[in-house]
PDB file of N, CA and C in Angstrom:
ATOM      1  N   UNK A   1    -112.130 -78.782-148.563  1.00  0.00           N
ATOM      2  CA  UNK A   1    -113.012 -78.166-149.535  1.00  0.00           C
ATOM      3  C   UNK A   1    -114.336 -78.933-149.560  1.00  0.00           C
ATOM      4  N   UNK A   2    -115.447 -78.216-149.495  1.00  0.00           N
ATOM      5  CA  UNK A   2    -116.762 -78.845-149.504  1.00  0.00           C
ATOM      6  C   UNK A   2    -117.017 -79.498-150.858  1.00  0.00           C
ATOM      7  N   UNK A   3    -117.833 -80.547-150.855  1.00  0.00           N
ATOM      8  CA  UNK A   3    -118.145 -81.299-152.076  1.00  0.00           C
ATOM      9  C   UNK A   3    -118.727 -80.382-153.160  1.00  0.00           C
ATOM     10  N   UNK A   4    -119.604 -79.460-152.794  1.00  0.00           N
ATOM     11  CA  UNK A   4    -120.207 -78.538-153.755  1.00  0.00           C
ATOM     12  C   UNK A   4    -119.149 -77.654-154.389  1.00  0.00           C
ATOM     13  N   UNK A   5    -118.202 -77.176-153.597  1.00  0.00           N
ATOM     14  CA  UNK A   5    -117.141 -76.333-154.129  1.00  0.00           C
ATOM     15  C   UNK A   5    -116.244 -77.120-155.073  1.00  0.00           C
ATOM     16  N   UNK A   6    -115.989 -78.417-154.782  1.00  0.00           N
ATOM     17  CA  UNK A   6    -115.180 -79.249-155.672  1.00  0.00           C
ATOM     18  C   UNK A   6    -115.830 -79.337-157.042  1.00  0.00           C
ATOM     19  N   UNK A   7    -117.151 -79.526-157.075  1.00  0.00           N
ATOM     20  CA  UNK A   7    -117.864 -79.628-158.345  1.00  0.00           C
ATOM     21  C   UNK A   7    -117.888 -78.294-159.074  1.00  0.00           C
ATOM     22  N   UNK A   8    -117.937 -77.212-158.327  1.00  0.00           N
ATOM     23  CA  UNK A   8    -117.980 -75.887-158.932  1.00  0.00           C
ATOM     24  C   UNK A   8    -116.622 -75.441-159.445  1.00  0.00           C
ATOM     25  N   UNK A   9    -115.552 -75.997-158.935  1.00  0.00           N
ATOM     26  CA  UNK A   9    -114.198 -75.620-159.352  1.00  0.00           C
ATOM     27  C   UNK A   9    -113.517 -76.812-160.003  1.00  0.00           C
ATOM     28  N   UNK A  10    -113.997 -77.180-161.175  1.00  0.00           N
ATOM     29  CA  UNK A  10    -113.498 -78.391-161.809  1.00  0.00           C
ATOM     30  C   UNK A  10    -113.697 -78.315-163.316  1.00  0.00           C
ATOM     31  N   UNK A  11    -113.328 -79.395-164.003  1.00  0.00           N
ATOM     32  CA  UNK A  11    -113.538 -79.539-165.437  1.00  0.00           C
ATOM     33  C   UNK A  11    -114.637 -80.585-165.628  1.00  0.00           C
ATOM     34  N   UNK A  12    -115.615 -80.291-166.468  1.00  0.00           N
ATOM     35  CA  UNK A  12    -116.742 -81.194-166.681  1.00  0.00           C
ATOM     36  C   UNK A  12    -116.768 -81.664-168.132  1.00  0.00           C
ATOM     37  N   UNK A  13    -116.854 -82.978-168.331  1.00  0.00           N
ATOM     38  CA  UNK A  13    -116.969 -83.550-169.667  1.00  0.00           C
ATOM     39  C   UNK A  13    -118.378 -83.307-170.187  1.00  0.00           C
ATOM     40  N   UNK A  14    -118.476 -82.695-171.370  1.00  0.00           N
ATOM     41  CA  UNK A  14    -119.772 -82.438-171.976  1.00  0.00           C
ATOM     42  C   UNK A  14    -120.161 -83.533-172.966  1.00  0.00           C
ATOM     43  N   UNK A  15    -119.194 -83.947-173.807  1.00  0.00           N
ATOM     44  CA  UNK A  15    -119.476 -84.986-174.800  1.00  0.00           C
ATOM     45  C   UNK A  15    -118.172 -85.518-175.387  1.00  0.00           C
ATOM     46  N   UNK A  16    -118.270 -86.703-175.972  1.00  0.00           N
ATOM     47  CA  UNK A  16    -117.144 -87.331-176.671  1.00  0.00           C
ATOM     48  C   UNK A  16    -117.613 -87.662-178.088  1.00  0.00           C
ATOM     49  N   UNK A  17    -116.789 -87.315-179.068  1.00  0.00           N
ATOM     50  CA  UNK A  17    -117.119 -87.569-180.469  1.00  0.00           C
ATOM     51  C   UNK A  17    -116.007 -88.431-181.074  1.00  0.00           C
ATOM     52  N   UNK A  18    -116.392 -89.516-181.715  1.00  0.00           N
ATOM     53  CA  UNK A  18    -115.440 -90.363-182.439  1.00  0.00           C
ATOM     54  C   UNK A  18    -115.185 -89.719-183.789  1.00  0.00           C
ATOM     55  N   UNK A  19    -113.920 -89.405-184.093  1.00  0.00           N
ATOM     56  CA  UNK A  19    -113.568 -88.762-185.354  1.00  0.00           C
ATOM     57  C   UNK A  19    -113.066 -89.754-186.398  1.00  0.00           C
ATOM     58  N   UNK A  20    -112.316 -90.763-185.942  1.00  0.00           N
ATOM     59  CA  UNK A  20    -111.723 -91.710-186.885  1.00  0.00           C
ATOM     60  C   UNK A  20    -111.481 -93.027-186.162  1.00  0.00           C
ATOM     61  N   UNK A  21    -111.742 -94.119-186.870  1.00  0.00           N
ATOM     62  CA  UNK A  21    -111.429 -95.435-186.332  1.00  0.00           C
ATOM     63  C   UNK A  21    -111.230 -96.379-187.510  1.00  0.00           C
ATOM     64  N   UNK A  22    -110.171 -97.143-187.461  1.00  0.00           N
ATOM     65  CA  UNK A  22    -109.897 -98.120-188.514  1.00  0.00           C
ATOM     66  C   UNK A  22    -109.168 -99.300-187.884  1.00  0.00           C
ATOM     67  N   UNK A  23    -109.252-100.426-188.536  1.00  0.00           N
ATOM     68  CA  UNK A  23    -108.534-101.596-188.057  1.00  0.00           C
ATOM     69  C   UNK A  23    -108.034-102.370-189.266  1.00  0.00           C
ATOM     70  N   UNK A  24    -106.735-102.596-189.301  1.00  0.00           N
ATOM     71  CA  UNK A  24    -106.125-103.368-190.374  1.00  0.00           C
ATOM     72  C   UNK A  24    -105.316-104.486-189.738  1.00  0.00           C
ATOM     73  N   UNK A  25    -105.390-105.683-190.355  1.00  0.00           N
ATOM     74  CA  UNK A  25    -104.585-106.788-189.846  1.00  0.00           C
ATOM     75  C   UNK A  25    -104.241-107.734-190.980  1.00  0.00           C
ATOM     76  N   UNK A  26    -103.184-108.469-190.746  1.00  0.00           N
ATOM     77  CA  UNK A  26    -102.817-109.524-191.673  1.00  0.00           C
ATOM     78  C   UNK A  26    -103.886-110.606-191.604  1.00  0.00           C
ATOM     79  N   UNK A  27    -104.177-111.228-192.728  1.00  0.00           N
ATOM     80  CA  UNK A  27    -105.189-112.273-192.722  1.00  0.00           C
ATOM     81  C   UNK A  27    -104.758-113.454-191.862  1.00  0.00           C
ATOM     82  N   UNK A  28    -103.493-113.846-192.015  1.00  0.00           N
ATOM     83  CA  UNK A  28    -102.979-114.967-191.220  1.00  0.00           C
ATOM     84  C   UNK A  28    -101.824-114.468-190.362  1.00  0.00           C
ATOM     85  N   UNK A  29    -101.940-114.712-189.075  1.00  0.00           N
ATOM     86  CA  UNK A  29    -100.870-114.367-188.136  1.00  0.00           C
ATOM     87  C   UNK A  29    -100.404-115.667-187.500  1.00  0.00           C
ATOM     88  N   UNK A  30     -99.130-115.972-187.662  1.00  0.00           N
ATOM     89  CA  UNK A  30     -98.579-117.189-187.082  1.00  0.00           C
ATOM     90  C   UNK A  30     -98.055-116.875-185.679  1.00  0.00           C
ATOM     91  N   UNK A  31     -98.697-117.442-184.679  1.00  0.00           N
ATOM     92  CA  UNK A  31     -98.270-117.194-183.306  1.00  0.00           C
ATOM     93  C   UNK A  31     -97.080-118.064-182.916  1.00  0.00           C
ATOM     94  N   UNK A  32     -96.679-118.965-183.829  1.00  0.00           N
ATOM     95  CA  UNK A  32     -95.509-119.808-183.588  1.00  0.00           C
ATOM     96  C   UNK A  32     -94.243-119.176-184.156  1.00  0.00           C
ATOM     97  N   UNK A  33     -94.407-118.168-184.993  1.00  0.00           N
ATOM     98  CA  UNK A  33     -93.290-117.611-185.728  1.00  0.00           C
ATOM     99  C   UNK A  33     -92.388-116.700-184.898  1.00  0.00           C
ATOM    100  N   UNK A  34     -92.935-115.919-184.042  1.00  0.00           N
ATOM    101  CA  UNK A  34     -92.123-115.005-183.251  1.00  0.00           C
ATOM    102  C   UNK A  34     -92.996-114.187-182.321  1.00  0.00           C
ATOM    103  N   UNK A  35     -92.348-113.507-181.416  1.00  0.00           N
ATOM    104  CA  UNK A  35     -93.059-112.695-180.434  1.00  0.00           C
ATOM    105  C   UNK A  35     -93.684-111.491-181.131  1.00  0.00           C
ATOM    106  N   UNK A  36     -94.904-111.178-180.756  1.00  0.00           N
ATOM    107  CA  UNK A  36     -95.587-110.000-181.290  1.00  0.00           C
ATOM    108  C   UNK A  36     -95.386-108.863-180.297  1.00  0.00           C
ATOM    109  N   UNK A  37     -94.775-107.799-180.780  1.00  0.00           N
ATOM    110  CA  UNK A  37     -94.539-106.626-179.937  1.00  0.00           C
ATOM    111  C   UNK A  37     -95.508-105.524-180.311  1.00  0.00           C
ATOM    112  N   UNK A  38     -95.917-104.742-179.328  1.00  0.00           N
ATOM    113  CA  UNK A  38     -96.850-103.658-179.589  1.00  0.00           C
ATOM    114  C   UNK A  38     -96.194-102.300-179.370  1.00  0.00           C
ATOM    115  N   UNK A  39     -96.752-101.313-180.048  1.00  0.00           N
ATOM    116  CA  UNK A  39     -96.290 -99.936-179.915  1.00  0.00           C
ATOM    117  C   UNK A  39     -97.520 -99.056-179.821  1.00  0.00           C
ATOM    118  N   UNK A  40     -97.524 -98.138-178.874  1.00  0.00           N
ATOM    119  CA  UNK A  40     -98.654 -97.227-178.695  1.00  0.00           C
ATOM    120  C   UNK A  40     -98.139 -95.800-178.832  1.00  0.00           C
ATOM    121  N   UNK A  41     -98.812 -95.039-179.692  1.00  0.00           N
ATOM    122  CA  UNK A  41     -98.505 -93.614-179.851  1.00  0.00           C
ATOM    123  C   UNK A  41     -99.753 -92.833-179.470  1.00  0.00           C
ATOM    124  N   UNK A  42     -99.580 -91.830-178.625  1.00  0.00           N
ATOM    125  CA  UNK A  42    -100.701 -91.009-178.187  1.00  0.00           C
ATOM    126  C   UNK A  42    -100.307 -89.547-178.284  1.00  0.00           C
ATOM    127  N   UNK A  43    -101.170 -88.759-178.890  1.00  0.00           N
ATOM    128  CA  UNK A  43    -100.946 -87.314-178.931  1.00  0.00           C
ATOM    129  C   UNK A  43    -102.258 -86.609-178.623  1.00  0.00           C
ATOM    130  N   UNK A  44    -102.151 -85.438-178.029  1.00  0.00           N
ATOM    131  CA  UNK A  44    -103.322 -84.656-177.650  1.00  0.00           C
ATOM    132  C   UNK A  44    -103.162 -83.227-178.151  1.00  0.00           C
ATOM    133  N   UNK A  45    -104.261 -82.653-178.580  1.00  0.00           N
ATOM    134  CA  UNK A  45    -104.242 -81.257-179.032  1.00  0.00           C
ATOM    135  C   UNK A  45    -105.427 -80.543-178.400  1.00  0.00           C
ATOM    136  N   UNK A  46    -105.156 -79.404-177.792  1.00  0.00           N
ATOM    137  CA  UNK A  46    -106.177 -78.632-177.081  1.00  0.00           C
ATOM    138  C   UNK A  46    -106.568 -77.404-177.901  1.00  0.00           C
ATOM    139  N   UNK A  47    -107.859 -77.067-177.871  1.00  0.00           N
ATOM    140  CA  UNK A  47    -108.296 -75.808-178.453  1.00  0.00           C
ATOM    141  C   UNK A  47    -108.320 -74.755-177.348  1.00  0.00           C
ATOM    142  N   UNK A  48    -108.398 -73.503-177.743  1.00  0.00           N
ATOM    143  CA  UNK A  48    -108.475 -72.430-176.748  1.00  0.00           C
ATOM    144  C   UNK A  48    -109.852 -72.421-176.102  1.00  0.00           C
ATOM    145  N   UNK A  49    -109.893 -71.930-174.877  1.00  0.00           N
ATOM    146  CA  UNK A  49    -111.162 -71.808-174.162  1.00  0.00           C
ATOM    147  C   UNK A  49    -111.955 -70.667-174.784  1.00  0.00           C
ATOM    148  N   UNK A  50    -113.225 -70.922-175.097  1.00  0.00           N
ATOM    149  CA  UNK A  50    -114.044 -69.860-175.672  1.00  0.00           C
ATOM    150  C   UNK A  50    -114.705 -69.042-174.564  1.00  0.00           C
ATOM    151  N   UNK A  51    -115.528 -68.086-174.955  1.00  0.00           N
ATOM    152  CA  UNK A  51    -116.158 -67.186-173.972  1.00  0.00           C
ATOM    153  C   UNK A  51    -117.077 -67.917-172.990  1.00  0.00           C
ATOM    154  N   UNK A  52    -117.570 -69.098-173.386  1.00  0.00           N
ATOM    155  CA  UNK A  52    -118.429 -69.887-172.506  1.00  0.00           C
ATOM    156  C   UNK A  52    -117.635 -70.854-171.636  1.00  0.00           C
ATOM    157  N   UNK A  53    -116.303 -70.699-171.626  1.00  0.00           N
ATOM    158  CA  UNK A  53    -115.398 -71.553-170.853  1.00  0.00           C
ATOM    159  C   UNK A  53    -115.453 -73.005-171.306  1.00  0.00           C
ATOM    160  N   UNK A  54    -115.589 -73.206-172.609  1.00  0.00           N
ATOM    161  CA  UNK A  54    -115.616 -74.550-173.185  1.00  0.00           C
ATOM    162  C   UNK A  54    -114.397 -74.717-174.084  1.00  0.00           C
ATOM    163  N   UNK A  55    -113.753 -75.875-173.974  1.00  0.00           N
ATOM    164  CA  UNK A  55    -112.603 -76.193-174.820  1.00  0.00           C
ATOM    165  C   UNK A  55    -112.691 -77.664-175.195  1.00  0.00           C
ATOM    166  N   UNK A  56    -111.873 -78.062-176.158  1.00  0.00           N
ATOM    167  CA  UNK A  56    -111.884 -79.477-176.554  1.00  0.00           C
ATOM    168  C   UNK A  56    -110.466 -80.014-176.606  1.00  0.00           C
ATOM    169  N   UNK A  57    -110.381 -81.318-176.427  1.00  0.00           N
ATOM    170  CA  UNK A  57    -109.127 -82.054-176.529  1.00  0.00           C
ATOM    171  C   UNK A  57    -109.331 -83.109-177.608  1.00  0.00           C
ATOM    172  N   UNK A  58    -108.441 -83.131-178.589  1.00  0.00           N
ATOM    173  CA  UNK A  58    -108.467 -84.190-179.593  1.00  0.00           C
ATOM    174  C   UNK A  58    -107.335 -85.140-179.264  1.00  0.00           C
ATOM    175  N   UNK A  59    -107.680 -86.405-179.065  1.00  0.00           N
ATOM    176  CA  UNK A  59    -106.688 -87.439-178.748  1.00  0.00           C
ATOM    177  C   UNK A  59    -106.566 -88.379-179.938  1.00  0.00           C
ATOM    178  N   UNK A  60    -105.336 -88.594-180.349  1.00  0.00           N
ATOM    179  CA  UNK A  60    -105.033 -89.532-181.430  1.00  0.00           C
ATOM    180  C   UNK A  60    -104.244 -90.677-180.827  1.00  0.00           C
ATOM    181  N   UNK A  61    -104.774 -91.865-180.991  1.00  0.00           N
ATOM    182  CA  UNK A  61    -104.148 -93.067-180.460  1.00  0.00           C
ATOM    183  C   UNK A  61    -103.889 -94.015-181.620  1.00  0.00           C
ATOM    184  N   UNK A  62    -102.676 -94.537-181.685  1.00  0.00           N
ATOM    185  CA  UNK A  62    -102.374 -95.534-182.707  1.00  0.00           C
ATOM    186  C   UNK A  62    -101.688 -96.720-182.034  1.00  0.00           C
ATOM    187  N   UNK A  63    -102.324 -97.866-182.155  1.00  0.00           N
ATOM    188  CA  UNK A  63    -101.793 -99.111-181.611  1.00  0.00           C
ATOM    189  C   UNK A  63    -101.363 -99.978-182.784  1.00  0.00           C
ATOM    190  N   UNK A  64    -100.099-100.375-182.804  1.00  0.00           N
ATOM    191  CA  UNK A  64     -99.604-101.259-183.850  1.00  0.00           C
ATOM    192  C   UNK A  64     -98.935-102.462-183.212  1.00  0.00           C
ATOM    193  N   UNK A  65     -98.959-103.557-183.934  1.00  0.00           N
ATOM    194  CA  UNK A  65     -98.283-104.770-183.471  1.00  0.00           C
ATOM    195  C   UNK A  65     -97.431-105.297-184.617  1.00  0.00           C
ATOM    196  N   UNK A  66     -96.220-105.646-184.297  1.00  0.00           N
ATOM    197  CA  UNK A  66     -95.284-106.164-185.291  1.00  0.00           C
ATOM    198  C   UNK A  66     -94.714-107.488-184.803  1.00  0.00           C
ATOM    199  N   UNK A  67     -94.290-108.286-185.767  1.00  0.00           N
ATOM    200  CA  UNK A  67     -93.740-109.600-185.457  1.00  0.00           C
ATOM    201  C   UNK A  67     -92.497-109.823-186.313  1.00  0.00           C
ATOM    202  N   UNK A  68     -91.469-110.357-185.674  1.00  0.00           N
ATOM    203  CA  UNK A  68     -90.259-110.702-186.415  1.00  0.00           C
ATOM    204  C   UNK A  68     -90.397-112.132-186.929  1.00  0.00           C
ATOM    205  N   UNK A  69     -90.206-112.293-188.230  1.00  0.00           N
ATOM    206  CA  UNK A  69     -90.357-113.613-188.843  1.00  0.00           C
ATOM    207  C   UNK A  69     -89.081-114.432-188.651  1.00  0.00           C
ATOM    208  N   UNK A  70     -89.149-115.697-189.073  1.00  0.00           N
ATOM    209  CA  UNK A  70     -87.976-116.574-188.985  1.00  0.00           C
ATOM    210  C   UNK A  70     -86.826-116.062-189.832  1.00  0.00           C
ATOM    211  N   UNK A  71     -87.144-115.273-190.867  1.00  0.00           N
ATOM    212  CA  UNK A  71     -86.129-114.709-191.759  1.00  0.00           C
ATOM    213  C   UNK A  71     -85.592-113.376-191.244  1.00  0.00           C
ATOM    214  N   UNK A  72     -85.869-113.033-189.984  1.00  0.00           N
ATOM    215  CA  UNK A  72     -85.454-111.772-189.362  1.00  0.00           C
ATOM    216  C   UNK A  72     -86.027-110.539-190.059  1.00  0.00           C
ATOM    217  N   UNK A  73     -87.217-110.685-190.602  1.00  0.00           N
ATOM    218  CA  UNK A  73     -87.925-109.574-191.212  1.00  0.00           C
ATOM    219  C   UNK A  73     -89.043-109.171-190.257  1.00  0.00           C
ATOM    220  N   UNK A  74     -89.134-107.879-189.973  1.00  0.00           N
ATOM    221  CA  UNK A  74     -90.200-107.405-189.099  1.00  0.00           C
ATOM    222  C   UNK A  74     -91.383-106.989-189.957  1.00  0.00           C
ATOM    223  N   UNK A  75     -92.539-107.555-189.640  1.00  0.00           N
ATOM    224  CA  UNK A  75     -93.738-107.194-190.390  1.00  0.00           C
ATOM    225  C   UNK A  75     -94.828-106.741-189.425  1.00  0.00           C
ATOM    226  N   UNK A  76     -95.601-105.779-189.875  1.00  0.00           N
ATOM    227  CA  UNK A  76     -96.718-105.289-189.074  1.00  0.00           C
ATOM    228  C   UNK A  76     -97.874-106.264-189.224  1.00  0.00           C
ATOM    229  N   UNK A  77     -98.425-106.716-188.093  1.00  0.00           N
ATOM    230  CA  UNK A  77     -99.522-107.683-188.159  1.00  0.00           C
ATOM    231  C   UNK A  77    -100.891-107.040-187.927  1.00  0.00           C
ATOM    232  N   UNK A  78    -100.919-105.919-187.207  1.00  0.00           N
ATOM    233  CA  UNK A  78    -102.163-105.145-187.166  1.00  0.00           C
ATOM    234  C   UNK A  78    -101.899-103.704-186.783  1.00  0.00           C
ATOM    235  N   UNK A  79    -102.882-102.870-187.114  1.00  0.00           N
ATOM    236  CA  UNK A  79    -102.791-101.434-186.854  1.00  0.00           C
ATOM    237  C   UNK A  79    -104.184-100.926-186.504  1.00  0.00           C
ATOM    238  N   UNK A  80    -104.270-100.138-185.442  1.00  0.00           N
ATOM    239  CA  UNK A  80    -105.543 -99.581-184.993  1.00  0.00           C
ATOM    240  C   UNK A  80    -105.369 -98.098-184.686  1.00  0.00           C
ATOM    241  N   UNK A  81    -105.683 -97.218-185.648  1.00  0.00           N
ATOM    242  CA  UNK A  81    -105.662 -95.781-185.359  1.00  0.00           C
ATOM    243  C   UNK A  81    -107.058 -95.300-184.935  1.00  0.00           C
ATOM    244  N   UNK A  82    -107.106 -94.490-183.889  1.00  0.00           N
ATOM    245  CA  UNK A  82    -108.365 -93.961-183.374  1.00  0.00           C
ATOM    246  C   UNK A  82    -108.154 -92.492-183.021  1.00  0.00           C
ATOM    247  N   UNK A  83    -109.127 -91.652-183.394  1.00  0.00           N
ATOM    248  CA  UNK A  83    -109.123 -90.241-183.002  1.00  0.00           C
ATOM    249  C   UNK A  83    -110.480 -89.910-182.409  1.00  0.00           C
ATOM    250  N   UNK A  84    -110.463 -89.226-181.282  1.00  0.00           N
ATOM    251  CA  UNK A  84    -111.711 -88.820-180.662  1.00  0.00           C
ATOM    252  C   UNK A  84    -111.512 -87.473-180.000  1.00  0.00           C
ATOM    253  N   UNK A  85    -112.617 -86.755-179.842  1.00  0.00           N
ATOM    254  CA  UNK A  85    -112.555 -85.409-179.267  1.00  0.00           C
ATOM    255  C   UNK A  85    -113.499 -85.333-178.082  1.00  0.00           C
ATOM    256  N   UNK A  86    -112.994 -84.778-177.004  1.00  0.00           N
ATOM    257  CA  UNK A  86    -113.815 -84.542-175.819  1.00  0.00           C
ATOM    258  C   UNK A  86    -113.992 -83.048-175.627  1.00  0.00           C
ATOM    259  N   UNK A  87    -115.222 -82.639-175.375  1.00  0.00           N
ATOM    260  CA  UNK A  87    -115.529 -81.234-175.099  1.00  0.00           C
ATOM    261  C   UNK A  87    -115.723 -81.091-173.593  1.00  0.00           C
ATOM    262  N   UNK A  88    -115.031 -80.113-173.035  1.00  0.00           N
ATOM    263  CA  UNK A  88    -115.061 -79.890-171.591  1.00  0.00           C
ATOM    264  C   UNK A  88    -115.484 -78.463-171.282  1.00  0.00           C
ATOM    265  N   UNK A  89    -116.028 -78.306-170.091  1.00  0.00           N
ATOM    266  CA  UNK A  89    -116.389 -76.987-169.595  1.00  0.00           C
ATOM    267  C   UNK A  89    -115.577 -76.721-168.327  1.00  0.00           C
ATOM    268  N   UNK A  90    -115.079 -75.500-168.200  1.00  0.00           N
ATOM    269  CA  UNK A  90    -114.354 -75.097-166.996  1.00  0.00           C
ATOM    270  C   UNK A  90    -115.370 -74.471-166.051  1.00  0.00           C
ATOM    271  N   UNK A  91    -115.473 -75.036-164.857  1.00  0.00           N
ATOM    272  CA  UNK A  91    -116.388 -74.499-163.850  1.00  0.00           C
ATOM    273  C   UNK A  91    -115.571 -73.861-162.741  1.00  0.00           C
ATOM    274  N   UNK A  92    -115.788 -72.604-162.518  1.00  0.00           N
ATOM    275  CA  UNK A  92    -115.072 -71.894-161.466  1.00  0.00           C
ATOM    276  C   UNK A  92    -113.584 -71.794-161.752  1.00  0.00           C
ATOM    277  N   UNK A  93    -112.779 -71.984-160.711  1.00  0.00           N
ATOM    278  CA  UNK A  93    -111.322 -71.921-160.833  1.00  0.00           C
ATOM    279  C   UNK A  93    -110.738 -73.232-160.312  1.00  0.00           C
ATOM    280  N   UNK A  94    -110.538 -74.222-161.193  1.00  0.00           N
ATOM    281  CA  UNK A  94    -109.991 -75.511-160.752  1.00  0.00           C
ATOM    282  C   UNK A  94    -108.579 -75.367-160.192  1.00  0.00           C
ATOM    283  N   UNK A  95    -108.253 -76.212-159.214  1.00  0.00           N
ATOM    284  CA  UNK A  95    -106.904 -76.213-158.638  1.00  0.00           C
ATOM    285  C   UNK A  95    -105.876 -76.743-159.633  1.00  0.00           C
ATOM    286  N   UNK A  96    -106.268 -77.735-160.420  1.00  0.00           N
ATOM    287  CA  UNK A  96    -105.361 -78.343-161.389  1.00  0.00           C
ATOM    288  C   UNK A  96    -105.201 -77.424-162.593  1.00  0.00           C
ATOM    289  N   UNK A  97    -103.956 -77.058-162.950  1.00  0.00           N
ATOM    290  CA  UNK A  97    -103.739 -76.189-164.109  1.00  0.00           C
ATOM    291  C   UNK A  97    -104.282 -76.833-165.394  1.00  0.00           C
ATOM    292  N   UNK A  98    -104.787 -76.012-166.282  1.00  0.00           N
ATOM    293  CA  UNK A  98    -105.405 -76.476-167.518  1.00  0.00           C
ATOM    294  C   UNK A  98    -104.462 -77.345-168.346  1.00  0.00           C
ATOM    295  N   UNK A  99    -103.219 -76.942-168.507  1.00  0.00           N
ATOM    296  CA  UNK A  99    -102.268 -77.711-169.319  1.00  0.00           C
ATOM    297  C   UNK A  99    -102.060 -79.119-168.764  1.00  0.00           C
ATOM    298  N   UNK A 100    -101.943 -79.217-167.446  1.00  0.00           N
ATOM    299  CA  UNK A 100    -101.767 -80.527-166.813  1.00  0.00           C
ATOM    300  C   UNK A 100    -103.023 -81.386-166.988  1.00  0.00           C
ATOM    301  N   UNK A 101    -104.182 -80.771-166.834  1.00  0.00           N
ATOM    302  CA  UNK A 101    -105.440 -81.493-167.047  1.00  0.00           C
ATOM    303  C   UNK A 101    -105.524 -82.019-168.482  1.00  0.00           C
ATOM    304  N   UNK A 102    -105.128 -81.208-169.441  1.00  0.00           N
ATOM    305  CA  UNK A 102    -105.225 -81.580-170.856  1.00  0.00           C
ATOM    306  C   UNK A 102    -104.253 -82.701-171.234  1.00  0.00           C
ATOM    307  N   UNK A 103    -103.111 -82.753-170.611  1.00  0.00           N
ATOM    308  CA  UNK A 103    -102.119 -83.780-170.948  1.00  0.00           C
ATOM    309  C   UNK A 103    -102.407 -85.134-170.305  1.00  0.00           C
ATOM    310  N   UNK A 104    -102.941 -85.130-169.104  1.00  0.00           N
ATOM    311  CA  UNK A 104    -103.096 -86.378-168.352  1.00  0.00           C
ATOM    312  C   UNK A 104    -104.566 -86.728-168.109  1.00  0.00           C
ATOM    313  N   UNK A 105    -105.276 -85.850-167.460  1.00  0.00           N
ATOM    314  CA  UNK A 105    -106.629 -86.176-167.010  1.00  0.00           C
ATOM    315  C   UNK A 105    -107.637 -86.270-168.153  1.00  0.00           C
ATOM    316  N   UNK A 106    -107.619 -85.323-169.068  1.00  0.00           N
ATOM    317  CA  UNK A 106    -108.615 -85.315-170.147  1.00  0.00           C
ATOM    318  C   UNK A 106    -108.585 -86.607-170.963  1.00  0.00           C
ATOM    319  N   UNK A 107    -107.418 -87.066-171.454  1.00  0.00           N
ATOM    320  CA  UNK A 107    -107.418 -88.338-172.189  1.00  0.00           C
ATOM    321  C   UNK A 107    -107.876 -89.515-171.324  1.00  0.00           C
ATOM    322  N   UNK A 108    -107.557 -89.479-170.037  1.00  0.00           N
ATOM    323  CA  UNK A 108    -107.972 -90.559-169.132  1.00  0.00           C
ATOM    324  C   UNK A 108    -109.484 -90.553-168.921  1.00  0.00           C
ATOM    325  N   UNK A 109    -110.108 -89.419-169.101  1.00  0.00           N
ATOM    326  CA  UNK A 109    -111.565 -89.320-169.006  1.00  0.00           C
ATOM    327  C   UNK A 109    -112.209 -89.685-170.346  1.00  0.00           C
ATOM    328  N   UNK A 110    -111.621 -89.199-171.433  1.00  0.00           N
ATOM    329  CA  UNK A 110    -112.189 -89.417-172.764  1.00  0.00           C
ATOM    330  C   UNK A 110    -112.130 -90.887-173.164  1.00  0.00           C
ATOM    331  N   UNK A 111    -111.001 -91.533-172.958  1.00  0.00           N
ATOM    332  CA  UNK A 111    -110.828 -92.890-173.475  1.00  0.00           C
ATOM    333  C   UNK A 111    -111.854 -93.886-172.930  1.00  0.00           C
ATOM    334  N   UNK A 112    -112.110 -93.944-171.616  1.00  0.00           N
ATOM    335  CA  UNK A 112    -113.151 -94.867-171.131  1.00  0.00           C
ATOM    336  C   UNK A 112    -114.531 -94.533-171.702  1.00  0.00           C
ATOM    337  N   UNK A 113    -114.809 -93.256-171.937  1.00  0.00           N
ATOM    338  CA  UNK A 113    -116.088 -92.869-172.548  1.00  0.00           C
ATOM    339  C   UNK A 113    -116.173 -93.440-173.956  1.00  0.00           C
ATOM    340  N   UNK A 114    -115.054 -93.405-174.676  1.00  0.00           N
ATOM    341  CA  UNK A 114    -115.007 -93.961-176.031  1.00  0.00           C
ATOM    342  C   UNK A 114    -115.238 -95.479-175.987  1.00  0.00           C
ATOM    343  N   UNK A 115    -114.600 -96.158-175.045  1.00  0.00           N
ATOM    344  CA  UNK A 115    -114.762 -97.611-174.914  1.00  0.00           C
ATOM    345  C   UNK A 115    -116.213 -97.938-174.596  1.00  0.00           C
ATOM    346  N   UNK A 116    -116.845 -97.150-173.740  1.00  0.00           N
ATOM    347  CA  UNK A 116    -118.263 -97.365-173.427  1.00  0.00           C
ATOM    348  C   UNK A 116    -119.143 -97.180-174.655  1.00  0.00           C
ATOM    349  N   UNK A 117    -118.780 -96.257-175.550  1.00  0.00           N
ATOM    350  CA  UNK A 117    -119.547 -96.046-176.783  1.00  0.00           C
ATOM    351  C   UNK A 117    -119.515 -97.310-177.633  1.00  0.00           C
ATOM    352  N   UNK A 118    -118.402 -98.020-177.628  1.00  0.00           N
ATOM    353  CA  UNK A 118    -118.269 -99.235-178.428  1.00  0.00           C
ATOM    354  C   UNK A 118    -119.160-100.350-177.910  1.00  0.00           C
ATOM    355  N   UNK A 119    -119.468-100.339-176.637  1.00  0.00           N
ATOM    356  CA  UNK A 119    -120.243-101.411-176.024  1.00  0.00           C
ATOM    357  C   UNK A 119    -121.744-101.230-176.176  1.00  0.00           C
ATOM    358  N   UNK A 120    -122.172-100.116-176.711  1.00  0.00           N
ATOM    359  CA  UNK A 120    -123.608 -99.860-176.862  1.00  0.00           C
ATOM    360  C   UNK A 120    -124.193-100.701-177.963  1.00  0.00           C
TER     361      UNK A 120
END
């Protein structure tokens, strides 16, 4: 497939919007007390394609870390929920099915864009 045709038959990122971001943590975290384990939850929701072949993906990411204390009590030491939305345009007829793109590729494209926004 020619390079021009690849670009014409693909999904194009138009913009990324940060919807929600928060960070909570314990004031004091003892790194001697126990191992800190992390948990990541990710969910994606797609809107329908409109007449202009534009759709959006909303990705919700929640990163939490918990630590077991000496008393065998598990406590959450920090929590980071983030929601962002990426708007995409469908160009031509992409080979990759839309559902597969929305589950895997779209979040992989949106997340680095979000990280770059933080570095500005």
